[in-house]
Protein backbone atom coordinates (compact mmCIF):
# COMPACT_ATOMS: atom_id res chain seq x y z
CA MET A 1 103.98 63.68 87.76
CA ARG A 2 100.30 64.40 88.25
CA LEU A 3 98.46 64.01 85.00
CA ARG A 4 94.81 64.57 84.25
CA LYS A 5 92.56 62.13 82.45
CA GLY A 6 89.09 63.55 82.19
CA ASN A 7 88.36 64.78 85.70
CA VAL A 8 90.65 62.24 87.36
CA ARG A 9 94.23 62.92 88.41
CA TYR A 10 96.84 60.25 88.74
CA MET A 11 100.56 60.16 89.51
CA VAL A 12 103.40 59.05 87.29
CA ALA A 13 105.74 56.79 89.23
CA GLY A 14 108.95 58.40 90.42
CA SER A 15 107.73 61.98 90.12
CA PRO A 16 108.00 64.41 93.08
CA PRO A 17 104.70 65.01 94.88
CA GLN A 18 102.92 68.33 94.71
CA PRO A 19 103.90 70.52 97.68
CA GLU A 20 101.52 70.55 100.61
CA THR A 21 99.97 73.80 101.75
CA ILE A 22 100.82 75.11 105.20
CA GLY A 23 99.18 78.47 105.82
CA PRO A 24 95.57 79.52 105.36
CA ALA A 25 94.29 79.75 101.79
CA PRO A 26 94.50 83.31 100.43
CA ARG A 27 91.27 85.08 99.75
CA TYR A 28 92.33 86.09 96.26
CA PRO A 29 94.86 83.48 95.03
CA ILE A 30 97.11 84.30 92.08
CA GLU A 31 97.64 81.11 90.11
CA SER A 32 100.78 82.28 88.27
CA VAL A 33 102.48 83.16 91.58
CA ASP A 34 101.44 79.84 93.08
CA ASN A 35 102.87 77.97 90.09
CA ALA A 36 106.15 79.87 90.32
CA LEU A 37 106.46 78.95 94.03
CA LYS A 38 105.63 75.32 93.32
CA LEU A 39 108.33 75.38 90.66
CA LEU A 40 110.93 76.68 93.11
CA LEU A 41 110.07 73.81 95.45
CA LEU A 42 110.57 71.39 92.58
CA PHE A 43 114.20 72.51 92.32
CA ALA A 44 114.62 71.68 95.98
CA GLN A 45 113.57 68.10 95.23
CA GLN A 46 115.62 67.42 92.12
CA PRO A 47 118.72 69.14 90.74
CA ARG A 48 117.63 69.52 87.09
CA VAL A 49 114.33 69.64 85.27
CA ARG A 50 113.26 70.02 81.67
CA LEU A 51 110.46 72.01 80.12
CA THR A 52 108.24 68.98 79.52
CA GLU A 53 108.63 67.93 83.17
CA VAL A 54 107.63 71.37 84.38
CA SER A 55 104.61 71.42 82.09
CA GLN A 56 103.43 68.06 83.42
CA TYR A 57 104.28 68.87 87.05
CA LEU A 58 102.27 72.10 87.03
CA GLU A 59 99.60 70.77 84.66
CA VAL A 60 100.02 73.77 82.35
CA ALA A 61 100.77 74.23 78.67
CA SER A 62 104.40 74.17 77.55
CA SER A 63 104.18 77.85 76.61
CA THR A 64 103.03 78.75 80.14
CA ALA A 65 105.77 76.62 81.68
CA HIS A 66 108.33 78.29 79.47
CA ARG A 67 107.19 81.78 80.52
CA LEU A 68 107.48 80.83 84.20
CA LEU A 69 110.93 79.38 83.69
CA SER A 70 112.05 82.43 81.69
CA MET A 71 110.98 84.81 84.44
CA LEU A 72 112.77 82.81 87.15
CA GLN A 73 115.84 82.67 84.95
CA TYR A 74 115.62 86.43 84.37
CA ARG A 75 115.67 87.04 88.13
CA GLY A 76 118.56 84.65 88.70
CA TYR A 77 116.65 81.96 90.58
CA ILE A 78 117.40 79.34 87.96
CA GLN A 79 119.72 78.89 84.98
CA GLN A 80 120.24 76.45 82.11
CA ASP A 81 123.08 73.96 81.94
CA PRO A 82 124.87 73.00 78.68
CA THR A 83 122.13 70.44 77.93
CA ARG A 84 119.48 73.19 78.21
CA ALA A 85 118.02 71.62 81.33
CA TYR A 86 117.16 74.01 84.15
CA GLU A 87 118.99 74.03 87.46
CA ALA A 88 119.28 76.27 90.54
CA GLY A 89 120.72 79.69 89.71
CA PRO A 90 122.86 82.06 91.80
CA VAL A 91 119.95 83.48 93.79
CA LEU A 92 118.64 80.08 94.90
CA ARG A 93 122.17 78.93 95.74
CA GLN A 94 122.77 82.07 97.78
CA LEU A 95 119.57 81.51 99.74
CA GLY A 96 120.70 77.96 100.46
CA VAL A 97 124.12 79.14 101.61
CA LYS A 98 122.53 81.63 103.99
CA ALA A 99 120.35 78.93 105.49
CA LEU A 100 123.36 76.66 105.98
CA ARG A 101 125.37 79.52 107.47
CA GLU A 102 122.70 80.27 110.05
CA GLN A 103 122.37 76.58 110.92
CA HIS A 104 126.13 76.43 111.44
CA LEU A 105 126.18 79.72 113.34
CA THR A 106 123.51 78.49 115.73
CA GLY A 107 125.57 75.40 116.44
CA VAL A 108 128.86 77.19 117.10
CA ALA A 109 127.09 79.93 119.07
CA ARG A 110 125.83 77.56 121.78
CA PRO A 111 129.13 77.06 123.67
CA VAL A 112 129.98 80.76 123.28
CA LEU A 113 126.58 81.72 124.76
CA GLU A 114 127.00 79.18 127.57
CA ARG A 115 130.42 80.58 128.56
CA LEU A 116 128.99 84.08 128.44
CA HIS A 117 126.07 82.98 130.60
CA ASP A 118 128.38 81.47 133.21
CA LYS A 119 130.51 84.61 133.27
CA LEU A 120 127.65 87.09 133.57
CA ASP A 121 125.14 84.94 135.48
CA GLY A 122 122.33 86.00 133.15
CA ALA A 123 120.44 84.94 130.04
CA THR A 124 122.38 85.27 126.77
CA THR A 125 120.93 85.50 123.30
CA LEU A 126 121.97 85.59 119.65
CA GLY A 127 119.46 87.29 117.35
CA ARG A 128 119.11 88.54 113.81
CA LEU A 129 117.01 91.25 112.25
CA ASP A 130 113.96 90.22 110.22
CA GLY A 131 112.17 93.34 109.02
CA GLN A 132 110.98 95.26 112.07
CA HIS A 133 111.45 92.22 114.27
CA VAL A 134 114.24 90.27 115.92
CA VAL A 135 114.35 86.49 115.68
CA TYR A 136 116.31 84.69 118.40
CA VAL A 137 118.45 81.98 116.76
CA GLY A 138 120.37 80.96 119.87
CA GLN A 139 119.61 81.37 123.56
CA VAL A 140 120.83 80.24 126.99
CA THR A 141 118.16 81.00 129.57
CA ASP A 142 118.64 81.74 133.25
CA ALA A 143 116.42 80.86 136.20
CA LYS A 144 116.89 84.34 137.62
CA VAL A 145 115.50 85.98 134.46
CA ALA A 146 111.92 85.55 133.28
CA PRO A 147 111.72 83.34 130.15
CA LEU A 148 112.43 85.42 127.10
CA PRO A 149 109.69 85.56 124.45
CA SER A 150 110.06 83.24 121.50
CA GLY A 151 109.33 83.95 117.86
CA SER A 152 109.52 87.39 116.26
CA ILE A 153 109.84 90.29 118.68
CA PRO A 154 109.62 94.02 117.83
CA ALA A 155 113.21 95.12 117.37
CA HIS A 156 112.74 98.56 118.93
CA CYS A 157 111.82 96.95 122.27
CA THR A 158 115.03 94.95 122.62
CA SER A 159 118.67 95.84 123.09
CA VAL A 160 119.79 93.40 120.38
CA GLY A 161 117.25 94.81 117.96
CA LYS A 162 118.25 98.40 118.69
CA MET A 163 121.93 97.56 118.28
CA ILE A 164 121.35 96.01 114.88
CA LEU A 165 119.11 98.91 113.84
CA SER A 166 121.85 101.35 114.82
CA GLN A 167 124.02 99.94 112.02
CA MET A 168 121.54 101.14 109.38
CA GLU A 169 121.75 104.31 107.35
CA PRO A 170 119.04 106.90 108.24
CA ASP A 171 117.22 106.47 104.92
CA GLU A 172 117.23 102.68 105.34
CA LEU A 173 115.80 102.99 108.83
CA ARG A 174 113.02 105.34 107.69
CA GLU A 175 112.10 102.95 104.89
CA LEU A 176 111.86 100.16 107.45
CA TYR A 177 109.82 102.37 109.82
CA PRO A 178 107.62 104.60 107.64
CA ASP A 179 105.28 105.52 110.53
CA GLU A 180 106.17 107.78 113.44
CA ARG A 181 104.16 105.78 115.98
CA LEU A 182 105.61 102.53 117.37
CA ASP A 183 103.78 99.90 119.39
CA GLN A 184 104.79 99.43 123.01
CA PHE A 185 105.35 96.11 124.76
CA THR A 186 105.56 97.75 128.20
CA PRO A 187 105.01 101.35 129.37
CA ARG A 188 108.78 101.89 129.07
CA SER A 189 109.00 100.78 125.42
CA ILE A 190 109.95 103.39 122.82
CA SER A 191 106.75 104.72 121.28
CA SER A 192 107.95 106.91 118.40
CA ARG A 193 110.40 106.69 115.53
CA SER A 194 111.97 110.00 116.55
CA ALA A 195 112.80 108.65 120.00
CA LEU A 196 114.12 105.47 118.43
CA GLU A 197 116.39 107.43 116.07
CA ALA A 198 117.80 109.42 119.00
CA GLU A 199 118.54 106.25 120.97
CA LEU A 200 120.10 104.55 117.98
CA GLN A 201 122.45 107.47 117.54
CA VAL A 202 123.64 107.01 121.13
CA ALA A 203 124.08 103.26 120.60
CA ARG A 204 126.00 103.89 117.39
CA VAL A 205 128.47 106.19 119.16
CA ARG A 206 129.11 104.07 122.24
CA GLY A 207 129.00 100.65 120.50
CA PHE A 208 126.27 99.00 122.56
CA ALA A 209 122.54 99.31 123.10
CA VAL A 210 120.44 98.88 126.22
CA ALA A 211 116.80 98.03 126.95
CA ASP A 212 115.53 98.72 130.46
CA ARG A 213 112.21 96.94 131.11
CA GLU A 214 111.12 97.68 127.56
CA LEU A 215 110.35 94.12 126.51
CA MET A 216 109.56 92.51 129.87
CA PRO A 217 108.92 94.09 133.26
CA GLU A 218 111.87 93.83 135.65
CA VAL A 219 114.35 92.72 132.96
CA ALA A 220 117.17 94.83 131.52
CA SER A 221 119.57 93.88 128.75
CA VAL A 222 122.59 95.13 126.89
CA ALA A 223 123.72 94.15 123.36
CA VAL A 224 126.49 94.49 120.82
CA ALA A 225 126.52 93.85 117.09
CA LEU A 226 128.32 91.00 115.36
CA PRO A 227 130.60 92.09 112.55
CA GLY A 228 130.51 90.45 109.13
CA LEU A 229 128.61 87.18 108.83
CA GLY A 230 127.79 87.40 105.17
CA GLY A 231 125.90 90.66 105.27
CA ILE A 232 123.18 89.29 107.57
CA ARG A 233 122.63 91.50 110.61
CA TYR A 234 123.12 89.75 113.95
CA GLY A 235 123.53 90.89 117.53
CA MET A 236 124.30 89.33 120.90
CA CYS A 237 122.79 90.37 124.21
CA ALA A 238 122.84 89.58 127.92
CA ALA A 239 119.74 89.99 130.09
CA LEU A 240 119.65 90.42 133.87
CA PRO A 241 117.04 91.35 136.44
CA ALA A 242 116.78 95.14 136.16
CA ARG A 243 117.81 95.67 139.77
CA ARG A 244 121.13 93.90 139.07
CA MET A 245 121.95 95.84 135.89
CA THR A 246 124.08 98.49 137.60
CA PRO A 247 126.42 100.72 135.53
CA SER A 248 129.33 98.56 136.70
CA ARG A 249 127.62 95.30 135.72
CA ARG A 250 126.57 96.80 132.41
CA GLY A 251 130.17 97.80 131.63
CA GLY A 252 131.40 94.31 132.42
CA ALA A 253 128.65 92.80 130.28
CA VAL A 254 129.58 95.02 127.33
CA ARG A 255 133.24 93.92 127.55
CA ALA A 256 132.25 90.25 127.78
CA LEU A 257 129.77 90.56 124.91
CA THR A 258 132.30 92.31 122.71
CA GLY A 259 134.77 89.48 123.23
CA ALA A 260 132.15 86.83 122.64
CA ALA A 261 130.91 88.55 119.47
CA ALA A 262 134.46 88.69 118.09
CA GLU A 263 134.97 85.01 118.93
CA LEU A 264 131.73 83.98 117.24
CA SER A 265 132.48 86.03 114.11
CA ALA A 266 135.93 84.47 113.87
CA LEU A 267 134.49 80.95 114.22
CA SER A 268 131.97 81.64 111.45
CA GLU A 269 134.60 83.15 109.13
CA THR A 270 136.90 80.20 109.71
CA ARG A 271 134.14 77.82 108.69
CA ASP A 272 133.39 79.91 105.59
CA ALA A 273 137.07 79.99 104.62
CA SER A 274 137.24 76.20 104.89
CA GLY A 275 134.78 75.97 102.00
CA ALA A 276 131.83 74.73 104.03
CA PHE A 277 129.56 77.18 102.24
CA GLY A 278 131.33 77.38 98.92
């Protein structure tokens, strides 16, 4: 633990270190929020903690530590064991399970994406929705297709994003997109929520979504949704040079993607049923 003696801090042997900062310092920091986040990280370092340990770790009074613990317990992040020590609660455990599930899914997706790539002769991608963006969690690139962007990508500019969005209820979509205007990646990107809603309706009916040079010039893609997977929204897409994405090739890609998505969902469910995430 870090204790204070006068203006000097020192560490108690065996205590977890204070978490390091990563992002830029906020302009108006909120100490209570910062302490709550530090406390959550403490539970990642040791399975159980007591009130006195929390007080010393955060360098706050016992009453303040108790209020923080009580609020986290109220929200289900932590709970007390029979000895009255605090441990991870259902919310923290669920977050951990989701992280493990995605790590597993990324691993089992690789051979599925590689077989799909060989069959379609194009780039293949597994992505999930994160707010208004898509995050690619698995990808097999192709020399004939320009490198796909990494990081978070506006969902409305991608086939996989549009396919996942098509699974939402209208009210849920409008809450996610409160503004009518949408940013464009290319001149062909959808620029309004109304146009997006119309395209999502088409995708919902036919079971696949397309993006024609909306994310990158000269690249077209088609995507299907993955069923299940613990309530997290995922999709799988194949990207080809736009000139090669003929109606016939698109139909073949949809059939191949549908089979691959079913295979990947089955693999994930089998792992879940085995107790890997229980």
